[in-house]
N, C-alpha and C. Protein backbone atom coordinates (compact mmCIF):
# COMPACT_ATOMS: atom_id res chain seq x y z
N MET A 1 -9.85 -12.95 -62.24
CA MET A 1 -8.94 -13.93 -61.80
C MET A 1 -8.39 -13.69 -60.44
N ILE A 2 -8.43 -14.62 -59.58
CA ILE A 2 -7.95 -14.44 -58.18
C ILE A 2 -6.53 -14.86 -58.26
N THR A 3 -5.56 -13.79 -57.83
CA THR A 3 -4.09 -14.07 -57.66
C THR A 3 -3.81 -13.58 -56.24
N LEU A 4 -2.43 -13.92 -55.92
CA LEU A 4 -1.90 -13.52 -54.60
C LEU A 4 -2.01 -11.92 -54.41
N ALA A 5 -1.91 -11.29 -55.54
CA ALA A 5 -1.78 -9.74 -55.46
C ALA A 5 -3.17 -9.13 -55.19
N ASN A 6 -4.30 -9.82 -55.52
CA ASN A 6 -5.67 -9.30 -55.25
C ASN A 6 -6.44 -10.03 -54.29
N LEU A 7 -5.98 -10.78 -53.35
CA LEU A 7 -6.72 -11.49 -52.53
C LEU A 7 -7.29 -10.55 -51.35
N LYS A 8 -8.39 -10.69 -50.97
CA LYS A 8 -9.14 -9.93 -49.98
C LYS A 8 -9.90 -10.80 -49.10
N PRO A 9 -10.05 -10.55 -47.82
CA PRO A 9 -10.81 -11.19 -46.85
C PRO A 9 -12.31 -11.18 -47.32
N ALA A 10 -13.22 -12.08 -46.92
CA ALA A 10 -14.68 -12.01 -47.19
C ALA A 10 -15.19 -10.77 -46.67
N LYS A 11 -16.41 -10.23 -47.37
CA LYS A 11 -16.98 -9.06 -46.95
C LYS A 11 -17.61 -9.14 -45.56
N GLY A 12 -17.31 -8.48 -44.62
CA GLY A 12 -17.79 -8.33 -43.26
C GLY A 12 -16.96 -9.30 -42.30
N ALA A 13 -15.94 -10.00 -42.81
CA ALA A 13 -15.03 -10.60 -42.05
C ALA A 13 -14.12 -9.84 -41.11
N ILE A 14 -13.78 -8.58 -41.56
CA ILE A 14 -12.98 -7.66 -40.72
C ILE A 14 -13.73 -6.49 -40.21
N LYS A 15 -13.69 -6.39 -38.92
CA LYS A 15 -14.40 -5.34 -38.36
C LYS A 15 -13.37 -4.28 -37.85
N LYS A 16 -13.75 -3.00 -37.62
CA LYS A 16 -12.85 -1.99 -37.12
C LYS A 16 -12.78 -2.18 -35.73
N ARG A 17 -11.73 -1.74 -34.96
CA ARG A 17 -11.44 -1.90 -33.63
C ARG A 17 -12.21 -0.83 -32.92
N LYS A 18 -12.79 -1.04 -31.73
CA LYS A 18 -13.39 -0.09 -30.93
C LYS A 18 -12.51 0.67 -30.28
N ARG A 19 -12.46 1.99 -30.73
CA ARG A 19 -11.40 2.89 -30.15
C ARG A 19 -12.23 3.75 -29.00
N ILE A 20 -11.72 3.38 -27.79
CA ILE A 20 -12.53 4.01 -26.70
C ILE A 20 -11.91 5.24 -26.12
N GLY A 21 -12.76 6.27 -25.86
CA GLY A 21 -12.28 7.54 -25.26
C GLY A 21 -11.69 8.38 -26.27
N ARG A 22 -12.32 8.50 -27.42
CA ARG A 22 -11.76 9.41 -28.63
C ARG A 22 -12.75 10.32 -29.05
N GLY A 23 -13.41 11.01 -28.00
CA GLY A 23 -14.37 12.05 -28.44
C GLY A 23 -15.77 11.61 -28.55
N PRO A 24 -16.61 12.63 -28.51
CA PRO A 24 -18.17 12.27 -28.73
C PRO A 24 -18.67 11.65 -29.89
N GLY A 25 -17.79 11.89 -30.99
CA GLY A 25 -18.33 11.47 -32.32
C GLY A 25 -18.21 9.92 -32.36
N SER A 26 -17.30 9.28 -31.59
CA SER A 26 -17.09 7.90 -31.75
C SER A 26 -18.21 7.12 -31.01
N GLY A 27 -18.93 7.82 -30.10
CA GLY A 27 -19.93 7.02 -29.35
C GLY A 27 -19.51 6.28 -28.25
N PHE A 28 -18.21 6.45 -27.95
CA PHE A 28 -17.39 5.88 -26.81
C PHE A 28 -16.58 6.84 -26.23
N GLY A 29 -16.89 8.17 -26.36
CA GLY A 29 -16.16 9.22 -25.68
C GLY A 29 -16.43 9.53 -24.16
N LYS A 30 -16.05 10.49 -23.57
CA LYS A 30 -16.36 10.99 -22.23
C LYS A 30 -16.16 9.79 -21.21
N THR A 31 -17.26 8.99 -21.03
CA THR A 31 -17.20 7.94 -19.97
C THR A 31 -16.49 6.57 -20.57
N ALA A 32 -16.24 6.68 -21.84
CA ALA A 32 -15.57 5.52 -22.54
C ALA A 32 -16.27 4.17 -22.29
N GLY A 33 -17.69 4.21 -22.32
CA GLY A 33 -18.48 2.92 -22.29
C GLY A 33 -18.57 2.38 -20.97
N ARG A 34 -18.09 3.21 -19.84
CA ARG A 34 -18.18 2.63 -18.52
C ARG A 34 -19.49 3.01 -17.71
N GLY A 35 -20.25 3.93 -18.46
CA GLY A 35 -21.48 4.39 -17.75
C GLY A 35 -21.05 5.54 -16.81
N MET A 36 -21.92 5.78 -15.87
CA MET A 36 -21.68 7.05 -15.03
C MET A 36 -20.69 6.81 -13.89
N ASN A 37 -21.14 7.00 -12.68
CA ASN A 37 -20.25 6.86 -11.59
C ASN A 37 -20.14 5.40 -10.93
N GLY A 38 -19.39 5.13 -9.95
CA GLY A 38 -19.43 3.81 -9.49
C GLY A 38 -18.05 3.20 -9.49
N GLN A 39 -17.92 2.10 -8.76
CA GLN A 39 -16.67 1.40 -8.59
C GLN A 39 -15.99 0.89 -10.03
N LYS A 40 -16.94 0.34 -10.86
CA LYS A 40 -16.60 -0.11 -12.14
C LYS A 40 -16.11 1.00 -13.13
N SER A 41 -16.49 2.11 -12.84
CA SER A 41 -16.08 3.29 -13.84
C SER A 41 -14.75 3.75 -13.46
N ARG A 42 -14.10 3.41 -12.23
CA ARG A 42 -12.86 3.92 -11.97
C ARG A 42 -11.61 3.21 -12.60
N SER A 43 -10.47 3.88 -12.65
CA SER A 43 -9.46 3.20 -13.11
C SER A 43 -8.78 2.28 -12.11
N GLY A 44 -8.21 1.17 -12.52
CA GLY A 44 -7.60 0.22 -11.55
C GLY A 44 -8.55 -0.68 -10.94
N TYR A 45 -9.90 -0.67 -11.30
CA TYR A 45 -10.84 -1.61 -10.84
C TYR A 45 -10.61 -2.92 -11.30
N SER A 46 -10.66 -3.93 -10.34
CA SER A 46 -10.68 -5.34 -10.72
C SER A 46 -11.53 -6.19 -9.79
N GLN A 47 -12.36 -6.99 -10.21
CA GLN A 47 -13.13 -7.65 -9.54
C GLN A 47 -12.71 -8.97 -8.94
N LYS A 48 -13.14 -9.45 -7.69
CA LYS A 48 -12.50 -10.61 -7.23
C LYS A 48 -13.39 -11.74 -7.85
N ARG A 49 -12.68 -12.92 -7.93
CA ARG A 49 -13.29 -14.13 -8.64
C ARG A 49 -14.59 -14.53 -8.00
N GLY A 50 -15.54 -14.63 -8.78
CA GLY A 50 -16.98 -15.21 -8.18
C GLY A 50 -17.82 -13.98 -7.52
N PHE A 51 -17.23 -12.75 -7.71
CA PHE A 51 -18.03 -11.69 -7.21
C PHE A 51 -19.43 -11.30 -7.99
N GLU A 52 -20.60 -11.13 -7.31
CA GLU A 52 -21.77 -11.04 -8.00
C GLU A 52 -22.34 -9.76 -7.59
N GLY A 53 -21.67 -8.75 -7.44
CA GLY A 53 -22.39 -7.30 -7.08
C GLY A 53 -22.94 -7.29 -5.77
N GLY A 54 -22.45 -8.10 -4.84
CA GLY A 54 -23.14 -8.03 -3.36
C GLY A 54 -24.22 -9.09 -3.09
N GLN A 55 -24.72 -9.62 -4.16
CA GLN A 55 -25.45 -10.94 -4.11
C GLN A 55 -24.65 -12.05 -3.68
N MET A 56 -25.17 -12.90 -2.80
CA MET A 56 -24.42 -14.07 -2.29
C MET A 56 -23.96 -14.89 -3.46
N PRO A 57 -22.57 -15.04 -3.54
CA PRO A 57 -21.99 -15.83 -4.71
C PRO A 57 -22.51 -17.30 -4.86
N LEU A 58 -22.48 -17.64 -5.85
CA LEU A 58 -22.89 -19.16 -6.18
C LEU A 58 -22.14 -20.15 -5.45
N VAL A 59 -20.74 -19.90 -5.30
CA VAL A 59 -19.91 -20.82 -4.55
C VAL A 59 -20.33 -20.82 -3.13
N ARG A 60 -20.80 -19.78 -2.53
CA ARG A 60 -21.32 -19.77 -1.25
C ARG A 60 -22.75 -20.18 -0.95
N ARG A 61 -23.57 -20.26 -2.06
CA ARG A 61 -25.04 -20.62 -2.06
C ARG A 61 -25.16 -22.07 -2.06
N ILE A 62 -24.19 -22.72 -2.76
CA ILE A 62 -24.41 -24.17 -2.85
C ILE A 62 -23.96 -24.80 -1.60
N PRO A 63 -24.67 -25.83 -1.13
CA PRO A 63 -24.26 -26.66 0.14
C PRO A 63 -23.02 -27.44 -0.22
N LYS A 64 -22.22 -27.39 0.88
CA LYS A 64 -20.94 -28.21 0.77
C LYS A 64 -21.14 -29.64 1.33
N ARG A 65 -20.68 -30.63 0.64
CA ARG A 65 -20.72 -32.03 1.14
C ARG A 65 -19.32 -32.63 1.24
N GLY A 66 -19.28 -33.55 2.15
CA GLY A 66 -18.02 -34.40 2.18
C GLY A 66 -16.81 -33.77 2.82
N PHE A 67 -15.70 -34.45 2.66
CA PHE A 67 -14.42 -33.91 3.30
C PHE A 67 -13.29 -34.38 2.40
N THR A 68 -12.45 -33.41 2.29
CA THR A 68 -11.01 -33.72 1.54
C THR A 68 -9.93 -33.75 2.37
N ASN A 69 -9.20 -34.95 2.36
CA ASN A 69 -8.08 -35.08 3.38
C ASN A 69 -6.92 -34.63 2.54
N LYS A 70 -6.42 -33.46 3.13
CA LYS A 70 -5.26 -32.83 2.60
C LYS A 70 -3.85 -33.59 2.77
N PHE A 71 -3.93 -34.55 3.68
CA PHE A 71 -2.68 -35.38 4.01
C PHE A 71 -2.70 -36.72 3.31
N ARG A 72 -3.75 -36.91 2.28
CA ARG A 72 -3.76 -38.28 1.69
C ARG A 72 -2.61 -38.50 0.78
N THR A 73 -2.23 -39.79 0.56
CA THR A 73 -1.11 -40.04 -0.27
C THR A 73 -1.77 -40.51 -1.66
N GLU A 74 -1.18 -39.80 -2.73
CA GLU A 74 -1.73 -40.26 -4.08
C GLU A 74 -0.81 -41.13 -4.69
N TYR A 75 -1.26 -42.04 -5.56
CA TYR A 75 -0.46 -43.03 -6.11
C TYR A 75 -0.65 -43.00 -7.68
N ASN A 76 0.51 -43.30 -8.49
CA ASN A 76 0.41 -43.84 -9.64
C ASN A 76 0.00 -45.14 -9.72
N ILE A 77 -1.12 -45.45 -10.51
CA ILE A 77 -1.70 -46.83 -10.61
C ILE A 77 -1.19 -47.50 -11.82
N VAL A 78 -0.85 -48.91 -11.47
CA VAL A 78 -0.23 -49.79 -12.62
C VAL A 78 -0.93 -51.06 -12.43
N ASN A 79 -1.59 -51.64 -13.35
CA ASN A 79 -2.34 -52.91 -13.20
C ASN A 79 -1.42 -54.03 -13.74
N LEU A 80 -1.61 -55.23 -13.16
CA LEU A 80 -0.95 -56.34 -13.47
C LEU A 80 -0.86 -56.74 -15.03
N ASP A 81 -1.88 -56.47 -15.71
CA ASP A 81 -1.95 -56.80 -17.09
C ASP A 81 -0.90 -55.95 -17.89
N SER A 82 -0.69 -54.78 -17.40
CA SER A 82 0.37 -53.82 -18.21
C SER A 82 1.74 -54.33 -17.73
N LEU A 83 1.92 -55.06 -16.63
CA LEU A 83 3.30 -55.53 -16.35
C LEU A 83 3.56 -56.66 -16.96
N GLU A 84 2.51 -57.47 -17.33
CA GLU A 84 2.62 -58.73 -18.05
C GLU A 84 3.15 -58.50 -19.53
N LYS A 85 2.96 -57.20 -20.06
CA LYS A 85 3.52 -56.91 -21.42
C LYS A 85 5.05 -56.54 -21.42
N ILE A 86 5.45 -56.18 -20.20
CA ILE A 86 6.86 -55.80 -20.26
C ILE A 86 7.82 -57.01 -20.18
N ASP A 87 8.84 -56.95 -20.96
CA ASP A 87 9.76 -58.19 -21.09
C ASP A 87 10.99 -58.09 -19.99
N LEU A 88 10.85 -57.95 -18.82
CA LEU A 88 11.79 -57.74 -17.91
C LEU A 88 11.49 -58.68 -16.68
N LYS A 89 12.56 -59.27 -16.15
CA LYS A 89 12.39 -60.25 -15.03
C LYS A 89 12.36 -59.54 -13.69
N GLU A 90 12.85 -58.20 -13.60
CA GLU A 90 12.82 -57.44 -12.43
C GLU A 90 12.42 -55.84 -12.91
N ILE A 91 11.19 -55.62 -12.21
CA ILE A 91 10.79 -54.22 -12.57
C ILE A 91 11.01 -53.31 -11.32
N LYS A 92 11.78 -52.23 -11.52
CA LYS A 92 12.27 -51.37 -10.59
C LYS A 92 11.53 -50.18 -10.87
N LEU A 93 11.61 -49.07 -9.90
CA LEU A 93 10.82 -47.79 -10.07
C LEU A 93 11.30 -47.16 -11.39
N ASP A 94 12.55 -47.03 -11.68
CA ASP A 94 12.78 -46.31 -12.99
C ASP A 94 12.20 -46.99 -14.23
N ASP A 95 12.05 -48.36 -14.22
CA ASP A 95 11.41 -49.03 -15.31
C ASP A 95 10.03 -48.60 -15.68
N PHE A 96 9.26 -48.24 -14.65
CA PHE A 96 7.96 -47.75 -14.68
C PHE A 96 7.88 -46.51 -15.54
N PHE A 97 8.84 -45.63 -15.37
CA PHE A 97 9.01 -44.27 -16.10
C PHE A 97 9.43 -44.49 -17.64
N GLU A 98 10.43 -45.39 -17.62
CA GLU A 98 11.17 -45.81 -19.06
C GLU A 98 10.11 -46.31 -19.90
N LYS A 99 9.36 -47.31 -19.40
CA LYS A 99 8.33 -47.98 -20.19
C LYS A 99 7.08 -47.22 -20.34
N ARG A 100 6.93 -45.99 -19.71
CA ARG A 100 5.80 -45.08 -19.79
C ARG A 100 4.62 -45.71 -19.11
N LEU A 101 4.67 -46.51 -18.11
CA LEU A 101 3.57 -47.13 -17.38
C LEU A 101 2.95 -45.96 -16.51
N VAL A 102 3.88 -45.14 -15.98
CA VAL A 102 3.57 -43.92 -15.04
C VAL A 102 4.26 -42.72 -15.59
N ARG A 103 3.57 -41.52 -15.38
CA ARG A 103 4.04 -40.28 -15.82
C ARG A 103 4.63 -39.40 -14.65
N ASN A 104 3.98 -39.35 -13.44
CA ASN A 104 4.22 -38.32 -12.55
C ASN A 104 5.29 -38.93 -11.54
N LYS A 105 6.53 -38.47 -11.65
CA LYS A 105 7.63 -39.04 -10.77
C LYS A 105 7.49 -38.56 -9.28
N ARG A 106 6.66 -37.58 -9.02
CA ARG A 106 6.50 -37.23 -7.64
C ARG A 106 5.60 -38.14 -6.84
N LEU A 107 4.80 -38.84 -7.55
CA LEU A 107 3.76 -39.69 -6.84
C LEU A 107 4.39 -41.15 -6.45
N LYS A 108 3.92 -41.73 -5.46
CA LYS A 108 4.23 -43.15 -5.29
C LYS A 108 3.52 -44.12 -6.30
N ILE A 109 4.06 -45.32 -6.46
CA ILE A 109 3.46 -46.40 -7.25
C ILE A 109 2.70 -47.49 -6.55
N LYS A 110 1.57 -47.74 -7.05
CA LYS A 110 0.69 -48.71 -6.43
C LYS A 110 0.27 -49.67 -7.54
N ILE A 111 0.48 -51.07 -7.17
CA ILE A 111 0.15 -52.08 -8.18
C ILE A 111 -1.22 -52.71 -7.76
N LEU A 112 -2.13 -52.54 -8.81
CA LEU A 112 -3.53 -53.13 -8.61
C LEU A 112 -3.72 -54.53 -9.33
N GLY A 113 -4.69 -55.35 -8.97
CA GLY A 113 -4.70 -56.65 -9.42
C GLY A 113 -5.62 -56.87 -10.63
N ASN A 114 -5.58 -55.92 -11.59
CA ASN A 114 -6.44 -56.06 -12.81
C ASN A 114 -5.54 -56.86 -13.77
N GLY A 115 -6.00 -58.12 -14.09
CA GLY A 115 -5.16 -58.88 -15.18
C GLY A 115 -4.39 -60.01 -14.31
N ASP A 116 -3.65 -60.90 -15.08
CA ASP A 116 -3.00 -62.02 -14.57
C ASP A 116 -1.58 -62.06 -14.90
N LEU A 117 -0.64 -62.66 -14.19
CA LEU A 117 0.66 -62.88 -14.47
C LEU A 117 0.98 -64.23 -14.78
N SER A 118 1.55 -64.53 -15.96
CA SER A 118 1.80 -65.81 -16.47
C SER A 118 3.35 -66.34 -16.21
N ARG A 119 4.12 -65.35 -15.68
CA ARG A 119 5.72 -65.75 -15.49
C ARG A 119 6.06 -65.02 -14.20
N LYS A 120 7.41 -65.50 -13.77
CA LYS A 120 7.96 -64.99 -12.69
C LYS A 120 8.46 -63.56 -12.89
N ILE A 121 8.28 -62.55 -12.00
CA ILE A 121 8.62 -61.33 -12.12
C ILE A 121 8.90 -60.79 -10.66
N LYS A 122 10.05 -59.92 -10.42
CA LYS A 122 10.34 -59.22 -9.23
C LYS A 122 9.70 -57.80 -9.46
N ILE A 123 8.81 -57.33 -8.58
CA ILE A 123 8.12 -56.05 -8.79
C ILE A 123 8.47 -55.28 -7.44
N HIS A 124 9.15 -54.17 -7.79
CA HIS A 124 9.33 -53.18 -6.75
C HIS A 124 8.39 -52.02 -6.70
N ALA A 125 7.62 -51.81 -5.76
CA ALA A 125 6.65 -50.67 -5.72
C ALA A 125 6.53 -50.16 -4.37
N HIS A 126 5.80 -48.98 -4.21
CA HIS A 126 5.55 -48.56 -2.90
C HIS A 126 4.33 -49.20 -2.17
N SER A 127 3.37 -49.72 -2.95
CA SER A 127 2.14 -50.39 -2.39
C SER A 127 1.67 -51.35 -3.42
N PHE A 128 0.87 -52.36 -2.73
CA PHE A 128 0.26 -53.29 -3.57
C PHE A 128 -1.17 -53.60 -3.13
N SER A 129 -2.09 -53.82 -3.86
CA SER A 129 -3.42 -54.16 -3.49
C SER A 129 -3.39 -55.70 -2.95
N LYS A 130 -4.52 -55.99 -2.31
CA LYS A 130 -4.53 -57.32 -1.73
C LYS A 130 -4.65 -58.43 -2.98
N THR A 131 -5.64 -58.12 -3.88
CA THR A 131 -5.75 -58.98 -4.98
C THR A 131 -4.37 -59.02 -5.87
N ALA A 132 -3.68 -57.98 -5.93
CA ALA A 132 -2.46 -58.02 -6.65
C ALA A 132 -1.49 -58.86 -5.96
N LEU A 133 -1.51 -58.74 -4.63
CA LEU A 133 -0.36 -59.58 -3.98
C LEU A 133 -0.74 -61.13 -4.10
N ASP A 134 -1.97 -61.51 -4.03
CA ASP A 134 -2.61 -62.80 -4.16
C ASP A 134 -2.12 -63.36 -5.52
N LYS A 135 -2.38 -62.62 -6.60
CA LYS A 135 -2.08 -63.14 -7.97
C LYS A 135 -0.65 -63.09 -8.17
N ILE A 136 0.24 -62.30 -7.54
CA ILE A 136 1.59 -62.26 -7.76
C ILE A 136 2.13 -63.56 -7.03
N LYS A 137 1.64 -63.85 -5.81
CA LYS A 137 2.09 -65.10 -5.09
C LYS A 137 1.63 -66.35 -5.89
N LYS A 138 0.49 -66.34 -6.56
CA LYS A 138 -0.02 -67.57 -7.30
C LYS A 138 1.03 -67.75 -8.54
N SER A 139 1.53 -66.71 -9.17
CA SER A 139 2.25 -66.89 -10.44
C SER A 139 3.68 -67.11 -10.03
N GLY A 140 4.07 -67.21 -8.64
CA GLY A 140 5.39 -67.44 -8.30
C GLY A 140 6.31 -66.17 -8.37
N SER A 141 5.72 -65.10 -8.65
CA SER A 141 6.47 -63.91 -8.61
C SER A 141 6.70 -63.25 -7.27
N GLU A 142 7.55 -62.17 -7.13
CA GLU A 142 7.89 -61.67 -5.90
C GLU A 142 7.47 -60.18 -5.79
N ALA A 143 6.76 -59.74 -4.78
CA ALA A 143 6.41 -58.27 -4.62
C ALA A 143 7.27 -57.63 -3.50
N ILE A 144 8.09 -56.64 -3.81
CA ILE A 144 8.98 -55.88 -2.97
C ILE A 144 8.44 -54.58 -2.60
N ILE A 145 8.12 -54.40 -1.34
CA ILE A 145 7.63 -53.06 -0.96
C ILE A 145 8.57 -52.20 -0.55
N ILE A 146 8.63 -50.95 -1.30
CA ILE A 146 9.72 -49.90 -1.09
C ILE A 146 9.23 -48.93 0.05
N GLY A 147 10.04 -48.66 0.79
CA GLY A 147 9.73 -47.76 2.01
C GLY A 147 9.18 -48.48 3.05
N GLY A 148 8.94 -49.73 3.20
CA GLY A 148 8.59 -50.37 4.32
C GLY A 148 7.14 -50.23 4.74
N GLU A 149 6.41 -49.66 3.81
CA GLU A 149 4.92 -49.35 4.01
C GLU A 149 4.06 -50.59 3.88
N GLY A 150 2.97 -50.63 4.50
CA GLY A 150 2.05 -51.66 4.18
C GLY A 150 1.23 -51.40 2.81
N GLN A 151 -0.07 -51.58 2.92
CA GLN A 151 -0.89 -51.16 1.68
C GLN A 151 -1.00 -49.73 1.87
C-alpha cells in the first residue's frame, strides 16, 4: 500500500547531477568536458549574441528591408464602439484608464471610427481619425483635441 511515508518518484525520473572536474573516473575530469585548447575552454569565456564561430551571422546574412522611424508617435487606440458602451457624457483622459480602454499611460490616445455613436458625448483625446470625426459630428457629439495637434 502506498502512503506518504513510502512515496518515491518513478524509476528513471531522477538523474544524478553531472559533477564536472572531479577526476578521471567521472569522465568529466581534466578538461571538464570543454575539449582541448581554444577560446571556449578558457575561464571567463562568454560568446556575443548571434556569434557563429566566424561564419557570417544569420542577422547579417539576411537582407534588410524598409525603414523604422525612431521619432514616430505611438498611440493607444480606442474605437467608437467601445466609447458607446461607457455611460459618461464627457470622456476625459483619466476615464480611458479607469474604464480600462487603454493600458499604457505613456502613449497618446487616438480615436478611430470603428462603430457608431447613438448619443451625445464630449470626447477628449490627442488625435482623431477622419472617419471618427465625421461620425462624432453626425451624432452631435464633440471631439476635443488635447495638445492642439491635428491628426
